[in-house]
Amino acid sequence: MRLNRTGYLIDAHEFPATTEELTEAYGDRTIELPNGTARLGDVLERAGAETYTNAADARSAILCGLGHEAIGRRYYSDRDAYAMGEDGPQQVSF
């Protein structure tokens, strides 16, 4: 996912800052996701009314507020055990 320079804007913003202030300043920015896009204002609204003390907190709220479109292939894991009757790779001990 690419924050399309939104991360740089958040880093340069003066903190503490509220969700409302960040939405007003950058709410129209678009974040490109593997399966679509998201408007930053919509993502920040999911966090509710918060006051962020620093840029790292605001970035975390943005990443946590993204929907399933941000994770790529849903329900996929290459770490799941093979089901009975399936042949998987041979175990290797290191």
Protein backbone atom coordinates (compact mmCIF):
# COMPACT_ATOMS: atom_id res chain seq x y z
CA MET A 1 0.00 0.00 0.00
CA ARG A 2 1.19 3.49 -0.72
CA LEU A 3 0.26 6.44 1.42
CA ASN A 4 0.91 8.78 -1.54
CA ARG A 5 3.05 11.19 0.43
CA THR A 6 0.38 11.37 3.13
CA GLY A 7 2.90 9.88 5.55
CA TYR A 8 5.24 12.79 4.88
CA LEU A 9 2.44 15.28 5.46
CA ILE A 10 1.51 13.59 8.75
CA ASP A 11 5.17 13.62 9.83
CA ALA A 12 5.43 17.35 9.07
CA HIS A 13 2.17 18.21 10.85
CA GLU A 14 2.39 19.93 14.24
CA PHE A 15 1.35 17.70 17.14
CA PRO A 16 -0.65 17.23 19.27
CA ALA A 17 -3.43 17.14 16.69
CA THR A 18 -7.00 15.90 16.71
CA THR A 19 -8.72 13.65 14.21
CA GLU A 20 -10.77 16.67 13.11
CA GLU A 21 -7.65 18.77 12.44
CA LEU A 22 -5.97 16.02 10.42
CA THR A 23 -9.17 15.35 8.47
CA GLU A 24 -9.56 19.03 7.70
CA ALA A 25 -5.95 19.33 6.55
CA TYR A 26 -5.55 16.04 4.63
CA GLY A 27 -8.97 14.40 4.42
CA ASP A 28 -9.15 14.62 0.64
CA ARG A 29 -5.88 12.68 0.13
CA THR A 30 -6.17 9.24 -1.49
CA ILE A 31 -4.37 6.15 -0.27
CA GLU A 32 -3.68 3.49 -2.91
CA LEU A 33 -4.45 -0.03 -1.73
CA PRO A 34 -3.81 -3.41 -3.39
CA ASN A 35 -7.56 -3.75 -4.00
CA GLY A 36 -8.72 -0.17 -4.50
CA THR A 37 -8.30 3.20 -2.85
CA ALA A 38 -9.38 4.89 0.37
CA ARG A 39 -9.91 8.53 1.19
CA LEU A 40 -7.86 9.58 4.23
CA GLY A 41 -10.80 11.46 5.75
CA ASP A 42 -12.89 8.27 5.76
CA VAL A 43 -10.05 6.28 7.29
CA LEU A 44 -9.50 8.82 10.08
CA GLU A 45 -13.23 8.94 10.85
CA ARG A 46 -13.10 5.25 11.77
CA ALA A 47 -10.75 6.11 14.64
CA GLY A 48 -13.30 8.46 16.16
CA ALA A 49 -12.49 11.67 17.98
CA GLU A 50 -8.88 11.25 19.11
CA THR A 51 -5.99 13.50 19.99
CA TYR A 52 -2.68 12.24 18.62
CA THR A 53 0.42 13.25 20.55
CA ASN A 54 2.83 12.49 17.70
CA ALA A 55 3.02 11.44 14.06
CA ALA A 56 3.57 7.77 14.92
CA ASP A 57 0.22 7.63 16.72
CA ALA A 58 -1.54 9.24 13.76
CA ARG A 59 0.12 6.82 11.31
CA SER A 60 -0.96 3.87 13.48
CA ALA A 61 -4.53 5.14 13.47
CA ILE A 62 -4.43 5.41 9.68
CA LEU A 63 -3.06 1.89 9.24
CA CYS A 64 -5.56 0.45 11.73
CA GLY A 65 -8.44 2.30 10.08
CA LEU A 66 -7.89 0.79 6.66
CA GLY A 67 -10.33 -1.88 5.56
CA HIS A 68 -9.76 -5.37 4.20
CA GLU A 69 -8.85 -3.88 0.82
CA ALA A 70 -5.46 -2.97 2.31
CA ILE A 71 -4.34 -6.52 3.10
CA GLY A 72 -4.31 -8.01 -0.36
CA ARG A 73 -5.66 -11.54 -0.70
CA ARG A 74 -8.16 -12.22 2.11
CA TYR A 75 -8.00 -15.37 4.19
CA TYR A 76 -4.77 -16.42 2.49
CA SER A 77 -1.99 -17.92 4.52
CA ASP A 78 0.96 -19.94 3.34
CA ARG A 79 1.55 -20.99 6.94
CA ASP A 80 -1.54 -23.13 7.42
CA ALA A 81 -1.05 -26.84 7.97
CA TYR A 82 -1.97 -29.13 5.11
CA ALA A 83 -5.29 -30.91 5.40
CA MET A 84 -5.49 -34.68 5.62
CA GLY A 85 -4.88 -36.24 2.22
CA GLU A 86 -2.90 -33.29 0.88
CA ASP A 87 0.77 -33.68 0.08
CA GLY A 88 2.92 -30.88 1.34
CA PRO A 89 6.64 -30.30 1.13
CA GLN A 90 8.94 -32.65 2.97
CA GLN A 91 9.93 -31.52 6.44
CA VAL A 92 13.47 -30.22 6.66
CA SER A 93 15.31 -29.84 9.93
CA PHE A 94 17.84 -27.05 10.21
